[in-house]
Amino acid sequence: MKKKIAEVLASKIEGFDADKVEQLLEIPPKADMGDFAFPCFQLAKIFRKAPNMIAADLAKQIGEQTFLSKVEVKGAYLNFFVDKTLFVKQVVDKANSDQYGKQNVGEGKTICIDYSSPNVAKKFHVGHLRTTIIGNSLYKIFTKLGYKVERINHLGDWGTQFGKLIVAYKKWGSKEAVEKNGIAELMNIYVKFHEEAEKDDSLNDEARAWFTKMEQGDEEALSIWQWFKDISLVEYKKTYEMLGIEFDSYAGESFYCDKSKRVIDECNAHHLLEESEGAYIIRLDEYNMAPCIVMKKDGSSIYATRDLAAVLYRKDTYQFDRCIYVTGLEQKLHFAQVFKVIELLGYDWAPEQLVHVPYGLVSLKGGKLSTRKGNIIYAEDILSESIQRIQEIIEEKNPNIPDKKEVAHKVGIGAILFNDLYNQRIKDVVFDWDKIHNFDGETGPYVQYTYARAASVLRRAKEFDETAQIDYSVLTDDASIALLKEISRYPEVIENAAERLEPSVVARYSMAVAQAFNKFYHDNQCIVEDKNISNARLKLLSLTKYILKDSLGLLGIECPEQM
């Protein structure tokens, strides 16, 4: 309908094509103001008339249209009222497919998404949840649009911290304790190292020496490092399993160590390197950035070097059209430096194809998270507690539903994911259990419960024929039209979320659909004696059920059939 209106208007306005008109069309704040509105302010200079006069002239020129019930002038706006029955038919017919929302705009294109990326030998904390949840949602959104998406977990598995861990292990650790307690033990000795290093700085020299051994291929150093890494991955994969998340690659920083030489060679070939206090840097003053350090005094690589190597490797390997990095806002400068260096190396695709997607912090009492000091909240604990709290709510409100544990898992995890993704990613996330688990608020459980309600009605509607032709005129009441308008937006919402790299667009859309459905359900009894009415309303209910499940799926959230 929007496209049709745009085409009609474009034929009456010289110099405006249908696409331009479509971008200008608005949805009025109230239903009685029409379904679409066209503001005429921009035409004042072209026509040399007042906007309200232009609106009146256009209304006359448009005249009667078969797909419109009315065209009305309201000040400088031209308001369009679509034929409701025709609108219902169009939306129902289009949405009546399990492919609804899928598009092929990304066909033949590849996107790499770098996300999660925990630091090996450190427990997966709530801060890592954000990158993991946002990255997974972006993967699903781009896949829905037809892109081939490579999910990359760039593990933090290299660097001086491993020298510190090896020193700590040799001085205060034991094989038995590490094998028994896993990452928890590694973190204990890591905290111990920093406590002792504050009293004895020579420990830091020992740590640097062990890391240099790792870089030089020392067998003992690498053996201990690999052991730490293996232990860590086992625990990380438990968390990923809880979240229902997988990756295509776990190639971390260590993978790029032998590829860093190419970076240094190319930097030298472009005369970019400069010695500074023994280290090698690339000056970025003219771009209002601090220098990018690419090699330390002792000849060791630094994470910037490895990130540069990763960009070049990924381009060669995946031939990506975009490489997206989902990390905290505090890494904005780092990625700006890396992307600029890639550009200075002559890769002119860098400004368009390398993208940093920042996000805010997790707000917790006690200040910033710090692995060194040990004051931290772990992701697995947060997820487990959410599941446990939902189990308690189920036992209190509906203890007889089948598969209680499975339902509690889906709702508990879904509550955390929705709480994270509902607001713009740049905003901080606060864990407020009462808010997160509220079945009546703007929460994951509310949307999941709406889905379960729709599923329950369809189970009771034994005579509903999904394939039967329906009477579209039955669905022309205000609540049905409002719900159908939300359903009609779904493909556009997915595109918008991808364009803005913003999963909250989908999360807020799923909430809008749930709210519109609950209004429709309140106003319209779906199972009635009149089969004509019942079938039409159940059809709309069925479409809504699909939209809720599919949109929540793009957030990584599963929908239980009963709650």
Protein backbone atom coordinates (compact mmCIF):
# COMPACT_ATOMS: atom_id res chain seq x y z
CA MET A 1 0.00 0.00 0.00
CA LYS A 2 2.83 2.37 0.88
CA LYS A 3 4.51 1.73 -2.46
CA LYS A 4 1.24 2.24 -4.34
CA ILE A 5 0.62 5.56 -2.61
CA ALA A 6 4.21 6.62 -3.36
CA GLU A 7 3.79 5.74 -7.04
CA VAL A 8 0.56 7.74 -7.33
CA LEU A 9 2.09 10.76 -5.61
CA ALA A 10 5.30 10.57 -7.64
CA SER A 11 3.27 10.73 -10.85
CA LYS A 12 1.86 14.09 -9.68
CA ILE A 13 5.09 15.66 -8.38
CA GLU A 14 7.73 16.59 -10.93
CA GLY A 15 11.27 15.67 -9.90
CA PHE A 16 10.20 13.18 -7.20
CA ASP A 17 10.47 9.46 -7.89
CA ALA A 18 8.50 6.81 -5.99
CA ASP A 19 11.44 5.87 -3.75
CA LYS A 20 11.91 9.45 -2.60
CA VAL A 21 8.19 9.87 -1.92
CA GLU A 22 8.10 6.56 -0.01
CA GLN A 23 10.86 7.76 2.30
CA LEU A 24 8.84 10.89 3.09
CA LEU A 25 5.59 9.05 3.85
CA GLU A 26 4.80 8.94 7.55
CA ILE A 27 2.50 6.87 9.72
CA PRO A 28 0.15 9.22 11.62
CA PRO A 29 0.17 9.00 15.43
CA LYS A 30 -3.58 8.26 15.53
CA ALA A 31 -5.63 5.85 13.44
CA ASP A 32 -8.32 8.46 12.74
CA MET A 33 -5.71 10.56 10.95
CA GLY A 34 -5.24 7.92 8.27
CA ASP A 35 -2.89 5.05 7.52
CA PHE A 36 -0.21 7.14 5.80
CA ALA A 37 0.51 10.85 5.67
CA PHE A 38 2.54 12.88 3.19
CA PRO A 39 4.03 16.17 4.47
CA CYS A 40 4.03 18.89 1.79
CA PHE A 41 6.55 21.26 3.40
CA GLN A 42 9.37 20.24 1.08
CA LEU A 43 7.25 21.11 -1.97
CA ALA A 44 6.67 24.75 -0.98
CA LYS A 45 9.77 26.05 -2.80
CA ILE A 46 9.14 23.88 -5.88
CA PHE A 47 5.50 24.89 -6.34
CA ARG A 48 5.88 28.37 -4.81
CA LYS A 49 2.74 27.80 -2.77
CA ALA A 50 1.82 27.30 0.86
CA PRO A 51 2.08 23.62 1.91
CA ASN A 52 -1.65 23.39 2.75
CA MET A 53 -2.57 24.63 -0.74
CA ILE A 54 -0.23 22.08 -2.30
CA ALA A 55 -1.87 19.31 -0.23
CA ALA A 56 -5.32 20.41 -1.47
CA ASP A 57 -4.16 20.49 -5.12
CA LEU A 58 -2.61 17.03 -4.86
CA ALA A 59 -5.79 15.63 -3.30
CA LYS A 60 -7.79 16.83 -6.32
CA GLN A 61 -5.26 15.41 -8.80
CA ILE A 62 -5.17 12.02 -7.09
CA GLY A 63 -8.97 11.72 -7.08
CA GLU A 64 -10.48 8.30 -6.41
CA GLN A 65 -8.20 5.28 -6.25
CA THR A 66 -9.44 1.70 -5.97
CA PHE A 67 -7.10 0.85 -3.12
CA LEU A 68 -7.96 3.98 -1.09
CA SER A 69 -11.17 4.64 0.80
CA LYS A 70 -10.39 8.32 1.32
CA VAL A 71 -7.76 11.04 0.78
CA GLU A 72 -8.01 13.89 3.27
CA VAL A 73 -6.20 17.21 3.65
CA LYS A 74 -5.14 18.15 7.17
CA GLY A 75 -3.16 21.38 7.11
CA ALA A 76 0.12 20.72 5.30
CA TYR A 77 -0.46 16.97 5.35
CA LEU A 78 -2.16 14.75 2.82
CA ASN A 79 -3.67 11.81 4.73
CA PHE A 80 -4.39 8.50 3.02
CA PHE A 81 -6.95 5.99 4.25
CA VAL A 82 -6.44 2.62 2.59
CA ASP A 83 -9.31 0.28 1.73
CA LYS A 84 -9.33 -1.90 4.84
CA THR A 85 -10.48 -5.15 3.26
CA LEU A 86 -7.93 -4.83 0.50
CA PHE A 87 -5.25 -4.01 3.07
CA VAL A 88 -6.14 -7.07 5.16
CA LYS A 89 -6.00 -9.32 2.09
CA GLN A 90 -2.65 -7.94 1.04
CA VAL A 91 -1.02 -8.39 4.45
CA VAL A 92 -2.52 -11.82 5.20
CA ASP A 93 -1.59 -13.19 1.78
CA LYS A 94 1.95 -11.86 2.03
CA ALA A 95 2.55 -12.96 5.62
CA ASN A 96 1.01 -16.41 5.09
CA SER A 97 4.35 -18.17 4.65
CA ASP A 98 7.10 -19.54 6.84
CA GLN A 99 9.46 -17.56 4.61
CA TYR A 100 7.90 -14.22 5.60
CA GLY A 101 10.62 -11.76 6.56
CA LYS A 102 13.34 -13.63 4.65
CA GLN A 103 15.03 -11.61 1.92
CA ASN A 104 17.83 -12.06 -0.57
CA VAL A 105 19.48 -8.62 -0.29
CA GLY A 106 22.62 -10.34 1.00
CA GLU A 107 22.75 -13.08 -1.59
CA GLY A 108 26.32 -13.73 -2.71
CA LYS A 109 27.75 -11.52 0.05
CA THR A 110 29.74 -12.52 3.12
CA ILE A 111 29.86 -10.84 6.50
CA CYS A 112 32.35 -11.74 9.23
CA ILE A 113 31.20 -10.99 12.77
CA ASP A 114 33.84 -10.99 15.51
CA TYR A 115 32.14 -11.33 18.90
CA SER A 116 32.25 -12.89 22.36
CA SER A 117 36.07 -13.30 22.44
CA PRO A 118 36.65 -13.99 26.15
CA ASN A 119 40.16 -13.89 27.57
CA VAL A 120 41.42 -17.43 28.08
CA ALA A 121 42.02 -18.53 31.68
CA LYS A 122 39.48 -15.97 32.92
CA LYS A 123 35.89 -16.89 33.67
CA PHE A 124 33.17 -15.76 31.29
CA HIS A 125 31.73 -12.74 33.11
CA VAL A 126 28.64 -10.61 32.58
CA GLY A 127 30.61 -8.17 30.42
CA HIS A 128 31.22 -10.94 27.91
CA LEU A 129 27.50 -11.65 27.79
CA ARG A 130 26.84 -8.37 25.98
CA THR A 131 29.16 -8.95 23.02
CA THR A 132 27.99 -12.58 22.79
CA ILE A 133 24.28 -11.75 22.83
CA ILE A 134 24.52 -8.77 20.45
CA GLY A 135 26.84 -10.58 18.02
CA ASN A 136 24.61 -13.67 17.92
CA SER A 137 21.55 -11.55 17.17
CA LEU A 138 23.34 -9.70 14.36
CA TYR A 139 24.36 -13.07 12.91
CA LYS A 140 20.72 -14.19 12.85
CA ILE A 141 19.48 -10.89 11.40
CA PHE A 142 22.00 -10.88 8.54
CA THR A 143 21.38 -14.55 7.84
CA LYS A 144 17.67 -13.76 7.55
CA LEU A 145 18.55 -11.23 4.85
CA GLY A 146 20.42 -13.83 2.83
CA TYR A 147 24.03 -13.06 3.80
CA LYS A 148 26.59 -15.76 4.43
CA VAL A 149 27.79 -15.01 7.94
CA GLU A 150 31.04 -16.25 9.47
CA ARG A 151 30.79 -16.34 13.28
CA ILE A 152 34.25 -15.69 14.69
CA ASN A 153 35.23 -16.05 18.35
CA HIS A 154 38.55 -14.21 18.48
CA LEU A 155 39.75 -15.70 21.77
CA GLY A 156 42.06 -13.60 23.90
CA ASP A 157 44.60 -16.44 24.08
CA TRP A 158 47.92 -14.60 23.75
CA GLY A 159 49.80 -11.84 25.52
CA THR A 160 51.83 -11.02 28.60
CA GLN A 161 49.03 -12.16 30.92
CA PHE A 162 49.97 -15.74 30.06
CA GLY A 163 53.51 -15.06 31.19
CA LYS A 164 52.00 -13.89 34.47
CA LEU A 165 49.86 -17.02 34.72
CA ILE A 166 52.80 -19.32 34.08
CA VAL A 167 54.82 -17.57 36.82
CA ALA A 168 51.81 -17.76 39.17
CA TYR A 169 51.26 -21.44 38.40
CA LYS A 170 54.88 -22.34 38.99
CA LYS A 171 55.07 -20.40 42.27
CA TRP A 172 51.64 -20.94 43.86
CA GLY A 173 49.67 -23.41 41.74
CA SER A 174 49.42 -27.18 41.35
CA LYS A 175 48.27 -29.49 38.57
CA GLU A 176 45.76 -31.15 40.90
CA ALA A 177 44.13 -27.85 41.90
CA VAL A 178 43.89 -26.63 38.29
CA GLU A 179 42.40 -29.92 37.07
CA LYS A 180 39.91 -29.95 39.94
CA ASN A 181 38.78 -26.30 39.89
CA GLY A 182 39.50 -25.25 36.29
CA ILE A 183 39.34 -21.55 35.48
CA ALA A 184 38.48 -20.67 39.08
CA GLU A 185 41.92 -21.88 40.17
CA LEU A 186 43.65 -20.06 37.30
CA MET A 187 41.91 -16.86 38.35
CA ASN A 188 42.93 -17.37 41.98
CA ILE A 189 46.60 -17.61 41.10
CA TYR A 190 46.25 -14.71 38.62
CA VAL A 191 44.89 -12.46 41.40
CA LYS A 192 47.67 -13.76 43.68
CA PHE A 193 50.27 -12.77 41.07
CA HIS A 194 49.07 -9.14 41.01
CA GLU A 195 48.98 -8.96 44.79
CA GLU A 196 52.56 -10.19 44.99
CA ALA A 197 53.77 -8.11 42.01
CA GLU A 198 52.69 -4.94 43.82
CA LYS A 199 55.28 -5.88 46.46
CA ASP A 200 57.91 -7.34 44.11
CA ASP A 201 58.15 -5.81 40.63
CA SER A 202 60.67 -8.44 39.47
CA LEU A 203 57.70 -10.80 39.05
CA ASN A 204 56.61 -8.69 36.10
CA ASP A 205 60.03 -9.16 34.50
CA GLU A 206 59.67 -12.93 34.97
CA ALA A 207 56.24 -12.80 33.35
CA ARG A 208 57.55 -10.89 30.33
CA ALA A 209 60.37 -13.40 29.98
CA TRP A 210 57.92 -16.33 29.94
CA PHE A 211 55.78 -14.63 27.31
CA THR A 212 58.87 -14.04 25.16
CA LYS A 213 59.54 -17.79 25.48
CA MET A 214 56.04 -18.45 24.22
CA GLU A 215 56.64 -16.17 21.24
CA GLN A 216 59.92 -17.96 20.52
CA GLY A 217 58.23 -21.38 20.54
CA ASP A 218 59.54 -22.69 23.87
CA GLU A 219 58.05 -26.17 24.33
CA GLU A 220 57.40 -25.95 28.08
CA ALA A 221 55.82 -22.49 27.89
CA LEU A 222 53.53 -23.48 25.01
CA SER A 223 52.56 -26.75 26.67
CA ILE A 224 51.36 -24.97 29.83
CA TRP A 225 49.63 -22.27 27.75
CA GLN A 226 47.76 -24.89 25.65
CA TRP A 227 46.65 -26.66 28.81
CA PHE A 228 45.22 -23.41 30.20
CA LYS A 229 43.44 -22.80 26.89
CA ASP A 230 41.89 -26.28 26.70
CA ILE A 231 40.54 -26.00 30.26
CA SER A 232 39.05 -22.59 29.46
CA LEU A 233 37.29 -23.70 26.27
CA VAL A 234 35.51 -26.52 28.06
CA GLU A 235 33.95 -24.00 30.46
CA TYR A 236 33.16 -21.41 27.77
CA LYS A 237 31.31 -23.97 25.68
CA LYS A 238 29.06 -24.78 28.66
CA THR A 239 27.97 -21.14 28.71
CA TYR A 240 27.49 -21.07 24.93
CA GLU A 241 25.38 -24.21 25.20
CA MET A 242 23.16 -22.54 27.81
CA LEU A 243 22.69 -19.63 25.39
CA GLY A 244 22.21 -21.87 22.32
CA ILE A 245 25.16 -20.20 20.58
CA GLU A 246 27.74 -21.71 18.20
CA PHE A 247 30.74 -20.37 16.29
CA ASP A 248 32.33 -21.16 12.95
CA SER A 249 35.82 -20.24 14.15
CA TYR A 250 37.64 -20.12 17.47
CA ALA A 251 40.82 -18.71 15.90
CA GLY A 252 42.11 -16.39 18.60
CA GLU A 253 45.07 -14.06 18.91
CA SER A 254 47.59 -16.91 18.97
CA PHE A 255 46.44 -18.00 15.51
CA TYR A 256 47.80 -14.76 14.06
CA CYS A 257 51.25 -14.79 15.69
CA ASP A 258 52.97 -16.26 12.63
CA LYS A 259 50.95 -13.92 10.42
CA SER A 260 52.15 -10.76 12.16
CA LYS A 261 55.35 -10.71 10.07
CA ARG A 262 53.27 -9.86 7.00
CA VAL A 263 51.90 -6.83 8.85
CA ILE A 264 55.39 -5.62 9.82
CA ASP A 265 56.69 -6.20 6.26
CA GLU A 266 53.80 -4.26 4.71
CA CYS A 267 54.21 -1.44 7.22
CA ASN A 268 57.89 -1.22 6.32
CA ALA A 269 57.11 -1.28 2.60
CA HIS A 270 54.81 1.73 3.09
CA HIS A 271 57.38 3.48 5.34
CA LEU A 272 54.90 3.70 8.19
CA LEU A 273 56.99 2.36 11.09
CA GLU A 274 58.82 4.67 13.46
CA GLU A 275 60.93 3.76 16.46
CA SER A 276 59.80 5.29 19.74
CA GLU A 277 61.44 4.43 23.07
CA GLY A 278 62.51 1.07 21.65
CA ALA A 279 59.04 0.13 20.38
CA TYR A 280 57.77 0.48 16.82
CA ILE A 281 54.76 2.69 16.21
CA ILE A 282 52.68 4.15 13.40
CA ARG A 283 51.93 7.82 13.93
CA LEU A 284 48.32 8.82 13.38
CA ASP A 285 48.50 12.45 14.54
CA GLU A 286 46.99 13.85 11.35
CA TYR A 287 43.91 11.70 11.97
CA ASN A 288 43.59 12.97 15.57
CA MET A 289 44.58 9.60 17.02
CA ALA A 290 47.32 8.40 19.32
CA PRO A 291 50.08 6.30 17.71
CA CYS A 292 49.36 2.64 17.02
CA ILE A 293 52.01 0.43 18.63
CA VAL A 294 52.76 -2.62 16.47
CA MET A 295 55.86 -4.07 18.15
CA LYS A 296 57.11 -3.87 21.73
CA LYS A 297 60.67 -3.21 22.92
CA ASP A 298 61.47 -6.91 23.29
CA GLY A 299 60.28 -7.66 19.75
CA SER A 300 57.00 -9.19 20.93
CA SER A 301 53.82 -8.56 18.96
CA ILE A 302 50.97 -6.65 20.55
CA TYR A 303 47.20 -7.17 20.19
CA ALA A 304 47.02 -4.38 17.57
CA THR A 305 49.49 -6.30 15.40
CA ARG A 306 47.44 -9.44 15.73
CA ASP A 307 44.22 -7.57 14.93
CA LEU A 308 45.86 -6.16 11.80
CA ALA A 309 46.96 -9.65 10.81
CA ALA A 310 43.43 -10.95 11.47
CA VAL A 311 41.87 -8.36 9.14
CA LEU A 312 44.17 -9.34 6.26
CA TYR A 313 43.72 -13.07 6.90
CA ARG A 314 39.93 -12.78 7.00
CA LYS A 315 39.83 -10.76 3.81
CA ASP A 316 41.98 -13.35 2.03
CA THR A 317 40.08 -16.32 3.49
CA TYR A 318 36.45 -15.16 3.43
CA GLN A 319 36.51 -12.33 0.88
CA PHE A 320 34.14 -10.50 3.22
CA ASP A 321 31.97 -7.62 2.14
CA ARG A 322 31.98 -6.42 5.73
CA CYS A 323 33.87 -7.40 8.86
CA ILE A 324 32.01 -6.37 12.03
CA TYR A 325 33.61 -6.17 15.47
CA VAL A 326 31.24 -6.28 18.45
CA THR A 327 33.19 -4.96 21.44
CA GLY A 328 32.85 -2.48 24.28
CA LEU A 329 32.77 1.25 23.68
CA GLU A 330 36.13 1.58 25.43
CA GLN A 331 37.78 -0.12 22.43
CA LYS A 332 36.59 2.55 19.99
CA LEU A 333 40.05 4.15 19.66
CA HIS A 334 41.80 0.80 19.24
CA PHE A 335 39.64 -0.21 16.28
CA ALA A 336 39.79 3.27 14.76
CA GLN A 337 43.59 2.90 14.80
CA VAL A 338 43.54 -0.62 13.35
CA PHE A 339 41.11 0.34 10.56
CA LYS A 340 43.15 3.45 9.70
CA VAL A 341 46.40 1.46 9.49
CA ILE A 342 44.76 -1.05 7.13
CA GLU A 343 43.70 1.88 4.96
CA LEU A 344 47.23 3.36 5.06
CA LEU A 345 48.55 -0.01 3.85
CA GLY A 346 46.68 0.68 0.61
CA TYR A 347 43.51 -1.34 1.22
CA ASP A 348 40.91 1.16 0.03
CA TRP A 349 38.02 -1.11 1.08
CA ALA A 350 38.81 -0.55 4.77
CA PRO A 351 36.63 2.55 5.46
CA GLU A 352 33.49 0.91 4.06
CA GLN A 353 34.00 -2.71 5.06
CA LEU A 354 35.52 -2.59 8.56
CA VAL A 355 32.91 -1.74 11.19
CA HIS A 356 33.13 -1.40 14.96
CA VAL A 357 29.85 -2.04 16.81
CA PRO A 358 30.27 -0.66 20.35
CA TYR A 359 28.05 -1.32 23.34
CA GLY A 360 27.66 0.02 26.88
CA LEU A 361 28.72 -1.52 30.16
CA VAL A 362 26.90 -3.80 32.55
CA SER A 363 25.98 -1.70 35.57
CA LEU A 364 26.80 -3.40 38.87
CA LYS A 365 27.28 -2.16 42.43
CA GLY A 366 30.90 -1.98 43.43
CA GLY A 367 32.27 -0.24 40.36
CA LYS A 368 34.02 -1.53 37.28
CA LEU A 369 34.64 -5.24 36.86
CA SER A 370 38.23 -6.28 37.49
CA THR A 371 39.62 -9.78 37.08
CA ARG A 372 42.79 -8.78 38.93
CA LYS A 373 40.96 -7.85 42.12
CA GLY A 374 38.48 -10.72 41.87
CA ASN A 375 35.26 -8.67 42.30
CA ILE A 376 33.29 -10.06 39.40
CA ILE A 377 29.94 -11.62 38.50
CA TYR A 378 30.06 -14.62 36.19
CA ALA A 379 27.79 -15.16 33.22
CA GLU A 380 26.96 -18.74 34.14
CA ASP A 381 25.85 -17.63 37.63
CA ILE A 382 23.57 -14.93 36.18
CA LEU A 383 22.01 -17.37 33.69
CA SER A 384 21.56 -20.12 36.28
CA GLU A 385 19.97 -17.73 38.76
CA SER A 386 17.55 -16.46 36.10
CA ILE A 387 16.49 -20.03 35.30
CA GLN A 388 16.10 -20.84 39.02
CA ARG A 389 13.93 -17.77 39.65
CA ILE A 390 11.65 -18.68 36.72
CA GLN A 391 11.37 -22.23 38.07
CA GLU A 392 10.13 -20.78 41.36
CA ILE A 393 7.56 -18.61 39.54
CA ILE A 394 6.33 -21.67 37.58
CA GLU A 395 5.98 -23.72 40.78
CA GLU A 396 3.93 -20.91 42.29
CA LYS A 397 1.71 -20.05 39.31
CA ASN A 398 1.46 -23.10 37.03
CA PRO A 399 3.11 -26.17 38.58
CA ASN A 400 1.31 -28.67 36.34
CA ILE A 401 2.69 -27.61 32.94
CA PRO A 402 4.75 -30.30 31.19
CA ASP A 403 8.51 -29.95 30.66
CA LYS A 404 8.86 -27.44 33.50
CA LYS A 405 12.66 -27.48 33.40
CA GLU A 406 12.75 -26.85 29.67
CA VAL A 407 10.24 -24.00 29.98
CA ALA A 408 12.21 -22.47 32.86
CA HIS A 409 15.38 -22.65 30.76
CA LYS A 410 13.80 -20.95 27.74
CA VAL A 411 12.12 -18.22 29.79
CA GLY A 412 15.07 -17.70 32.16
CA ILE A 413 17.60 -17.34 29.34
CA GLY A 414 15.12 -15.39 27.22
CA ALA A 415 14.61 -12.89 30.04
CA ILE A 416 18.35 -12.11 30.16
CA LEU A 417 18.66 -11.84 26.38
CA PHE A 418 15.61 -9.60 26.00
CA ASN A 419 16.71 -7.34 28.86
CA ASP A 420 20.02 -6.83 27.06
CA LEU A 421 18.66 -6.35 23.56
CA TYR A 422 15.54 -4.29 24.26
CA ASN A 423 17.44 -1.03 24.71
CA GLN A 424 19.92 0.47 22.29
CA ARG A 425 23.19 -1.43 22.58
CA ILE A 426 25.18 1.71 23.44
CA LYS A 427 23.24 2.00 26.71
CA ASP A 428 24.34 0.29 29.90
CA VAL A 429 22.50 -2.83 31.04
CA VAL A 430 21.22 -3.13 34.61
CA PHE A 431 20.27 -6.44 36.20
CA ASP A 432 17.00 -5.85 38.09
CA TRP A 433 15.44 -9.27 38.67
CA ASP A 434 11.96 -7.98 39.46
CA LYS A 435 11.88 -6.02 36.22
CA ILE A 436 13.51 -8.71 34.06
CA HIS A 437 11.06 -11.42 35.20
CA ASN A 438 7.90 -9.32 35.14
CA PHE A 439 5.30 -11.11 33.01
CA ASP A 440 3.34 -7.87 32.56
CA GLY A 441 6.11 -5.43 31.68
CA GLU A 442 8.22 -4.77 28.60
CA THR A 443 10.12 -8.00 29.06
CA GLY A 444 11.02 -11.26 27.36
CA PRO A 445 8.63 -13.30 29.53
CA TYR A 446 5.76 -11.00 28.50
CA VAL A 447 6.38 -11.63 24.78
CA GLN A 448 6.97 -15.36 25.35
CA TYR A 449 3.74 -15.56 27.38
CA THR A 450 1.88 -13.85 24.53
CA TYR A 451 3.22 -16.50 22.16
CA ALA A 452 2.16 -19.28 24.55
CA ARG A 453 -1.31 -17.72 24.80
CA ALA A 454 -1.66 -17.79 20.98
CA ALA A 455 -0.41 -21.39 20.92
CA SER A 456 -2.96 -22.35 23.59
CA VAL A 457 -5.88 -20.88 21.61
CA LEU A 458 -4.80 -22.72 18.45
CA ARG A 459 -4.58 -26.00 20.37
CA ARG A 460 -8.18 -25.52 21.52
CA ALA A 461 -9.40 -24.56 18.03
CA LYS A 462 -9.67 -28.11 16.75
CA GLU A 463 -11.75 -27.21 13.67
CA PHE A 464 -9.48 -24.41 12.45
CA ASP A 465 -8.34 -25.03 8.87
CA GLU A 466 -5.04 -23.22 8.28
CA THR A 467 -5.37 -23.54 4.50
CA ALA A 468 -9.01 -22.44 4.15
CA GLN A 469 -9.89 -19.21 2.35
CA ILE A 470 -10.88 -16.52 4.86
CA ASP A 471 -13.29 -13.61 4.79
CA TYR A 472 -10.94 -10.61 4.93
CA SER A 473 -13.73 -8.20 5.88
CA VAL A 474 -13.96 -9.88 9.29
CA LEU A 475 -10.57 -8.38 10.19
CA THR A 476 -11.36 -4.73 9.51
CA ASP A 477 -12.02 -3.68 13.13
CA ASP A 478 -9.52 -1.28 14.72
CA ALA A 479 -7.68 -3.87 16.86
CA SER A 480 -7.26 -6.29 13.93
CA ILE A 481 -6.04 -3.53 11.60
CA ALA A 482 -3.57 -2.29 14.23
CA LEU A 483 -2.15 -5.81 14.59
CA LEU A 484 -1.97 -6.31 10.82
CA LYS A 485 -0.10 -3.03 10.47
CA GLU A 486 2.53 -4.35 12.86
CA ILE A 487 2.75 -7.65 10.96
CA SER A 488 3.15 -5.76 7.66
CA ARG A 489 6.23 -3.99 9.04
CA TYR A 490 8.26 -7.14 9.72
CA PRO A 491 10.46 -7.25 6.58
CA GLU A 492 11.21 -3.53 6.91
CA VAL A 493 12.08 -3.96 10.60
CA ILE A 494 14.66 -6.66 9.83
CA GLU A 495 16.30 -4.49 7.16
CA ASN A 496 16.33 -1.52 9.52
CA ALA A 497 17.94 -3.57 12.31
CA ALA A 498 20.66 -4.74 9.92
CA GLU A 499 21.27 -1.28 8.53
CA ARG A 500 21.62 0.20 12.00
CA LEU A 501 23.42 -2.87 13.44
CA GLU A 502 20.84 -2.59 16.20
CA PRO A 503 19.02 -5.71 17.52
CA SER A 504 16.87 -3.49 19.74
CA VAL A 505 14.86 -2.63 16.61
CA VAL A 506 13.70 -6.26 16.47
CA ALA A 507 13.22 -6.54 20.24
CA ARG A 508 11.01 -3.45 20.36
CA TYR A 509 9.11 -4.68 17.31
CA SER A 510 8.35 -8.02 18.99
CA MET A 511 7.02 -6.09 21.98
CA ALA A 512 4.81 -3.94 19.72
CA VAL A 513 3.40 -7.07 18.06
CA ALA A 514 2.73 -8.69 21.46
CA GLN A 515 0.94 -5.59 22.73
CA ALA A 516 -1.15 -5.25 19.55
CA PHE A 517 -2.04 -8.94 19.72
CA ASN A 518 -3.17 -8.72 23.34
CA LYS A 519 -5.44 -5.78 22.43
CA PHE A 520 -6.82 -7.78 19.49
CA TYR A 521 -7.34 -10.83 21.72
CA HIS A 522 -9.09 -8.71 24.34
CA ASP A 523 -11.47 -7.18 21.78
CA ASN A 524 -12.13 -10.25 19.66
CA GLN A 525 -13.19 -13.72 20.75
CA CYS A 526 -11.38 -16.09 18.43
CA ILE A 527 -13.31 -19.34 18.90
CA VAL A 528 -16.99 -18.62 18.17
CA GLU A 529 -19.92 -20.47 16.60
CA ASP A 530 -19.71 -18.50 13.36
CA LYS A 531 -17.03 -20.44 11.45
CA ASN A 532 -16.50 -17.53 9.07
CA ILE A 533 -15.54 -15.18 11.90
CA SER A 534 -13.64 -17.82 13.86
CA ASN A 535 -11.51 -18.90 10.90
CA ALA A 536 -10.49 -15.33 10.02
CA ARG A 537 -9.52 -14.42 13.56
CA LEU A 538 -7.66 -17.68 14.11
CA LYS A 539 -5.77 -17.06 10.89
CA LEU A 540 -4.60 -13.69 12.21
CA LEU A 541 -3.70 -15.33 15.50
CA SER A 542 -1.67 -17.96 13.64
CA LEU A 543 0.24 -15.30 11.68
CA THR A 544 0.99 -13.44 14.90
CA LYS A 545 2.27 -16.61 16.53
CA TYR A 546 4.73 -17.06 13.65
CA ILE A 547 5.90 -13.43 13.84
CA LEU A 548 6.49 -13.62 17.60
CA LYS A 549 8.47 -16.85 17.35
CA ASP A 550 10.49 -15.67 14.36
CA SER A 551 11.31 -12.20 15.72
CA LEU A 552 12.31 -13.57 19.13
CA GLY A 553 14.38 -16.16 17.27
CA LEU A 554 16.38 -13.30 15.73
CA LEU A 555 17.28 -12.32 19.29
CA GLY A 556 18.34 -15.87 20.15
CA ILE A 557 15.21 -16.43 22.28
CA GLU A 558 13.14 -19.63 22.17
CA CYS A 559 9.38 -19.74 22.69
CA PRO A 560 7.75 -22.37 24.93
CA GLU A 561 4.37 -23.64 23.77
CA GLN A 562 3.03 -23.49 27.33
CA MET A 563 3.84 -21.22 30.26
